């Protein structure tokens, strides 16, 4: 499903319209709709998560290891939308959607909890493989290949909710495309996230004072409404440890020593820790 009325041309920023099996703007730029139903609006090919990373992530997530985080995201968004009794329609963007898990779970939850509220969900990611996987799994949503770090391919003030989960932040553009008093939910790993596993395998560290840094980044355009911490124990077998490493940026830094260390793990107990920061556009 393509939400054409929300999208703009990545070349000239003009509105896009659907013509047969493509999107076109008044300036003549055109973009084919893929067989899987997504649209590629990336102006030049850029590296993103690989298919191996994405398959590992989908396998890990669908086994429920981050379900408490997904449930928290769903509850935070639903609670704030439920308070707006006059709202009949909501546009939701997952900025950096990956293979679509969190957006797919949220769309399903809202359709069950807030019916008859109509939700138009869109996910964007720089990885074509990610968007292709998402479009196949969640055909009710719109998925777009696009660069989060450039001008976003949306009209002004068209989104009501933005999710930014473990993804790059483009604060100025988020503010431009978000409706006045719209919601933005940023999710980051807490300092304790997978600490035992990261220590044992010498994985990437989490940025020091990351939460405060993110809050300061958003302060120019957004007001922090609430902070929600999600912490619980994970018990991972060797296969899940390998998945947890492969699905993250640690994938790009694994060595033979890392693989040998994983092979030596029968199981491990570690903490999952996340910080959810809910902002409102000023």
Protein backbone atom coordinates (compact mmCIF):
# COMPACT_ATOMS: atom_id res chain seq x y z
CA UNK A 1 0.00 0.00 0.00
CA UNK A 2 1.41 3.39 -1.03
CA UNK A 3 0.24 6.51 0.84
CA UNK A 4 0.85 8.76 -2.14
CA UNK A 5 -0.76 11.85 -0.59
CA UNK A 6 1.95 11.96 2.08
CA UNK A 7 4.97 11.58 -0.20
CA UNK A 8 7.04 14.12 -2.11
CA UNK A 9 9.62 13.75 -4.85
CA UNK A 10 13.16 13.23 -3.48
CA UNK A 11 14.59 15.31 -6.33
CA UNK A 12 12.39 18.43 -6.37
CA UNK A 13 10.12 17.99 -3.31
CA UNK A 14 6.96 18.28 -5.47
CA UNK A 15 3.92 16.14 -4.58
CA UNK A 16 3.79 12.66 -6.07
CA UNK A 17 0.81 11.03 -7.76
CA UNK A 18 0.23 7.43 -8.82
CA UNK A 19 0.26 6.80 -12.57
CA UNK A 20 -0.21 3.13 -13.45
CA UNK A 21 2.54 1.27 -11.56
CA UNK A 22 4.71 4.25 -10.70
CA UNK A 23 4.75 7.54 -8.83
CA UNK A 24 5.32 10.77 -10.74
CA UNK A 25 5.72 14.44 -9.90
CA UNK A 26 4.83 17.50 -11.99
CA UNK A 27 8.49 17.95 -12.89
CA UNK A 28 8.56 14.58 -14.64
CA UNK A 29 10.53 12.53 -12.13
CA UNK A 30 9.15 9.00 -11.86
CA UNK A 31 9.67 6.05 -9.51
CA UNK A 32 8.52 2.48 -10.07
CA UNK A 33 6.44 0.66 -7.48
CA UNK A 34 8.15 -2.65 -6.74
CA UNK A 35 6.42 -6.00 -7.12
CA UNK A 36 6.34 -6.30 -3.31
CA UNK A 37 4.43 -3.00 -3.08
CA UNK A 38 7.14 -0.66 -1.76
CA UNK A 39 8.64 2.40 -3.47
CA UNK A 40 12.33 3.27 -3.78
CA UNK A 41 12.87 7.04 -3.39
CA UNK A 42 16.60 6.82 -2.69
CA UNK A 43 18.48 9.16 -5.03
CA UNK A 44 21.67 7.12 -4.91
CA UNK A 45 22.37 3.64 -3.63
CA UNK A 46 23.78 3.69 -0.12
CA UNK A 47 24.79 0.84 2.19
CA UNK A 48 22.34 -0.31 4.82
CA UNK A 49 21.69 -3.42 6.85
CA UNK A 50 22.47 -6.59 4.94
CA UNK A 51 20.07 -9.45 4.31
CA UNK A 52 21.99 -11.57 6.84
CA UNK A 53 21.53 -8.89 9.51
CA UNK A 54 17.85 -8.50 8.72
CA UNK A 55 17.07 -12.23 8.73
CA UNK A 56 18.84 -12.53 12.08
CA UNK A 57 16.85 -9.58 13.46
CA UNK A 58 13.50 -10.90 12.27
CA UNK A 59 14.24 -14.34 13.72
CA UNK A 60 15.31 -12.86 17.07
CA UNK A 61 12.37 -10.45 17.31
CA UNK A 62 9.75 -12.99 16.29
CA UNK A 63 10.93 -15.26 19.10
CA UNK A 64 9.69 -12.52 21.44
CA UNK A 65 12.93 -11.41 23.05
CA UNK A 66 12.07 -7.72 22.64
CA UNK A 67 8.31 -8.13 22.98
CA UNK A 68 8.24 -6.17 26.28
CA UNK A 69 9.71 -3.20 24.41
CA UNK A 70 7.18 -3.55 21.59
CA UNK A 71 4.35 -3.73 24.14
CA UNK A 72 5.61 -0.56 25.82
CA UNK A 73 5.78 1.30 22.50
CA UNK A 74 2.23 0.22 21.67
CA UNK A 75 0.90 1.27 25.06
CA UNK A 76 2.62 4.67 25.05
CA UNK A 77 1.29 5.58 21.61
CA UNK A 78 -2.20 4.18 22.18
CA UNK A 79 -2.60 5.97 25.52
CA UNK A 80 -1.78 9.34 24.00
CA UNK A 81 -3.97 8.79 20.95
CA UNK A 82 -6.86 7.54 23.10
CA UNK A 83 -6.92 10.84 24.96
CA UNK A 84 -7.75 12.66 21.71
CA UNK A 85 -11.39 11.62 21.40
CA UNK A 86 -12.04 13.79 18.33
CA UNK A 87 -9.32 12.15 16.23
CA UNK A 88 -10.62 9.89 13.45
CA UNK A 89 -7.41 9.30 11.49
CA UNK A 90 -3.73 9.13 12.35
CA UNK A 91 -0.61 9.02 10.18
CA UNK A 92 2.31 7.14 11.75
CA UNK A 93 5.88 7.05 10.46
CA UNK A 94 8.57 4.60 11.57
CA UNK A 95 11.78 6.47 10.72
CA UNK A 96 14.34 3.71 10.35
CA UNK A 97 11.86 0.82 10.28
CA UNK A 98 14.25 -2.03 9.46
CA UNK A 99 12.30 -5.17 8.60
CA UNK A 100 9.11 -3.65 10.04
CA UNK A 101 8.60 -5.48 13.35
CA UNK A 102 7.77 -2.56 15.64
CA UNK A 103 5.56 -0.76 13.11
CA UNK A 104 3.73 -3.99 12.26
CA UNK A 105 3.08 -4.73 15.93
CA UNK A 106 1.88 -1.17 16.56
CA UNK A 107 -0.50 -1.16 13.60
CA UNK A 108 -2.03 -4.46 14.71
CA UNK A 109 -2.38 -3.21 18.30
CA UNK A 110 -4.00 0.09 17.35
CA UNK A 111 -6.47 -1.55 14.99
CA UNK A 112 -7.59 -3.80 17.85
CA UNK A 113 -7.55 -1.23 20.66
CA UNK A 114 -8.62 2.03 19.00
CA UNK A 115 -11.08 0.94 16.34
CA UNK A 116 -12.63 2.73 14.44
CA UNK A 117 -9.58 5.04 14.42
CA UNK A 118 -8.02 4.75 10.95
CA UNK A 119 -4.22 4.42 10.89
CA UNK A 120 -2.00 5.05 7.87
CA UNK A 121 1.39 3.55 8.75
CA UNK A 122 4.55 4.25 6.79
CA UNK A 123 8.05 2.90 7.32
CA UNK A 124 11.23 4.23 5.73
CA UNK A 125 14.70 2.73 5.75
CA UNK A 126 17.89 3.17 3.76
CA UNK A 127 18.18 -0.59 3.25
CA UNK A 128 16.29 -1.88 0.22
CA UNK A 129 16.47 -5.40 1.64
CA UNK A 130 14.84 -4.20 4.87
CA UNK A 131 12.00 -2.43 3.08
CA UNK A 132 11.42 -5.40 0.80
CA UNK A 133 11.12 -7.74 3.80
CA UNK A 134 8.82 -5.29 5.60
CA UNK A 135 6.52 -4.86 2.60
CA UNK A 136 6.12 -8.61 2.21
CA UNK A 137 5.35 -9.18 5.89
CA UNK A 138 3.14 -6.13 6.54
CA UNK A 139 1.23 -5.31 3.32
CA UNK A 140 -1.24 -3.04 5.17
CA UNK A 141 1.54 -0.46 5.70
CA UNK A 142 3.45 1.67 3.21
CA UNK A 143 7.21 1.12 2.98
CA UNK A 144 9.73 3.41 1.30
CA UNK A 145 13.46 3.19 0.65
CA UNK A 146 14.79 6.61 1.66
CA UNK A 147 17.66 8.32 3.45
CA UNK A 148 16.87 9.53 6.97
CA UNK A 149 19.83 11.90 6.91
CA UNK A 150 18.57 13.97 3.94
CA UNK A 151 15.38 15.94 3.37
CA UNK A 152 12.63 13.47 4.18
CA UNK A 153 10.30 12.46 1.35
CA UNK A 154 7.13 13.76 3.03
CA UNK A 155 5.04 16.91 2.83
CA UNK A 156 5.03 19.41 5.69
CA UNK A 157 3.10 18.53 8.86
CA UNK A 158 1.54 15.32 7.52
CA UNK A 159 2.64 12.86 10.22
CA UNK A 160 0.91 12.64 13.58
CA UNK A 161 3.32 10.16 15.18
CA UNK A 162 6.96 9.37 14.45
CA UNK A 163 8.80 6.34 15.80
CA UNK A 164 12.59 6.56 15.91
CA UNK A 165 13.81 3.22 17.26
CA UNK A 166 17.58 2.61 17.34
CA UNK A 167 17.85 4.73 14.20
CA UNK A 168 19.54 7.96 13.04
CA UNK A 169 17.87 11.19 14.14
CA UNK A 170 17.03 14.07 11.80
CA UNK A 171 15.44 16.46 14.28
CA UNK A 172 14.81 19.41 11.95
CA UNK A 173 13.14 17.22 9.35
CA UNK A 174 11.12 15.34 11.96
CA UNK A 175 9.80 18.70 13.15
CA UNK A 176 8.97 19.77 9.59
CA UNK A 177 6.88 16.72 8.70
CA UNK A 178 5.20 16.32 12.10
CA UNK A 179 1.89 18.02 12.73
CA UNK A 180 1.73 20.65 15.50
CA UNK A 181 1.64 18.89 18.88
CA UNK A 182 2.40 15.62 17.11
CA UNK A 183 4.19 12.84 19.00
CA UNK A 184 7.70 11.51 18.53
CA UNK A 185 8.87 8.38 20.34
CA UNK A 186 12.63 7.86 20.44
CA UNK A 187 13.91 4.52 21.72
CA UNK A 188 17.55 4.01 22.69
CA UNK A 189 19.44 1.25 24.51
CA UNK A 190 20.13 1.92 28.17
CA UNK A 191 23.69 1.61 29.56
CA UNK A 192 22.84 -1.82 30.99
CA UNK A 193 21.55 -3.25 27.71
CA UNK A 194 23.22 -6.62 27.04
CA UNK A 195 26.04 -5.54 29.35
CA UNK A 196 27.08 -9.06 30.34
CA UNK A 197 27.07 -10.17 26.71
CA UNK A 198 28.87 -7.05 25.47
CA UNK A 199 31.55 -7.49 28.13
CA UNK A 200 32.06 -11.18 27.41
CA UNK A 201 32.29 -10.75 23.62
CA UNK A 202 33.96 -7.31 23.59
CA UNK A 203 31.08 -5.80 21.62
CA UNK A 204 30.47 -2.13 20.85
CA UNK A 205 29.92 0.15 23.81
CA UNK A 206 26.79 2.26 24.24
CA UNK A 207 27.45 5.99 24.01
CA UNK A 208 28.05 7.54 27.42
CA UNK A 209 25.23 9.87 28.57
CA UNK A 210 23.24 8.90 25.47
CA UNK A 211 19.84 9.70 26.99
CA UNK A 212 20.81 13.26 27.91
CA UNK A 213 22.41 13.75 24.50
CA UNK A 214 19.21 12.68 22.72
CA UNK A 215 17.05 14.94 24.91
CA UNK A 216 19.32 17.89 24.12
CA UNK A 217 19.16 17.09 20.40
CA UNK A 218 15.38 17.28 20.38
CA UNK A 219 15.04 20.26 22.73
CA UNK A 220 14.99 22.90 19.98
CA UNK A 221 11.75 21.59 18.44
CA UNK A 222 10.25 19.18 20.96
CA UNK A 223 9.06 19.01 24.55
CA UNK A 224 9.78 15.85 26.54
CA UNK A 225 6.47 14.45 27.83
CA UNK A 226 7.56 11.27 29.57
CA UNK A 227 10.37 8.78 29.96
CA UNK A 228 9.76 5.05 30.27
CA UNK A 229 12.43 2.52 31.21
CA UNK A 230 12.10 -1.11 30.12
CA UNK A 231 14.37 -3.63 31.87
CA UNK A 232 14.15 -7.42 32.12
CA UNK A 233 16.37 -10.48 32.06
CA UNK A 234 17.17 -12.39 28.89
CA UNK A 235 18.25 -16.02 28.87
CA UNK A 236 19.93 -16.67 25.53
CA UNK A 237 21.18 -19.91 24.06
CA UNK A 238 24.16 -19.95 21.71
CA UNK A 239 21.97 -19.54 18.62
CA UNK A 240 20.23 -16.48 20.06
CA UNK A 241 23.58 -14.96 21.06
CA UNK A 242 24.72 -15.27 17.46
CA UNK A 243 21.48 -13.68 16.27
CA UNK A 244 21.81 -10.81 18.77
CA UNK A 245 25.30 -10.02 17.51
CA UNK A 246 24.49 -10.40 13.81
CA UNK A 247 21.41 -8.18 13.87
CA UNK A 248 23.18 -5.09 15.25
CA UNK A 249 26.07 -2.86 14.09
CA UNK A 250 28.34 -5.34 15.88
CA UNK A 251 27.97 -7.36 12.67
CA UNK A 252 30.42 -5.02 10.94
CA UNK A 253 33.02 -5.50 13.67
CA UNK A 254 32.92 -9.25 14.32
CA UNK A 255 36.19 -11.14 14.01
CA UNK A 256 37.21 -14.79 14.04
CA UNK A 257 37.80 -14.34 17.76
CA UNK A 258 34.21 -13.13 18.18
CA UNK A 259 32.82 -16.17 16.38
CA UNK A 260 35.02 -18.48 18.45
CA UNK A 261 33.82 -16.80 21.64
CA UNK A 262 30.17 -17.23 20.60
CA UNK A 263 30.82 -20.89 19.81
CA UNK A 264 32.08 -21.31 23.36
CA UNK A 265 28.83 -20.02 24.90
CA UNK A 266 26.25 -22.62 25.84
CA UNK A 267 23.87 -20.07 27.32
CA UNK A 268 24.07 -16.69 28.99
CA UNK A 269 21.87 -14.52 31.18
CA UNK A 270 21.98 -10.82 30.42
CA UNK A 271 19.79 -7.75 30.81
CA UNK A 272 17.70 -6.12 28.14
CA UNK A 273 17.47 -2.40 28.83
CA UNK A 274 15.76 0.34 26.83
CA UNK A 275 14.82 3.97 27.36
CA UNK A 276 11.67 5.29 25.66
CA UNK A 277 11.52 9.09 25.32
CA UNK A 278 8.14 10.46 24.28
CA UNK A 279 8.30 14.01 22.86
CA UNK A 280 5.69 16.41 21.56
CA UNK A 281 6.33 18.90 18.78
CA UNK A 282 6.31 22.47 20.05
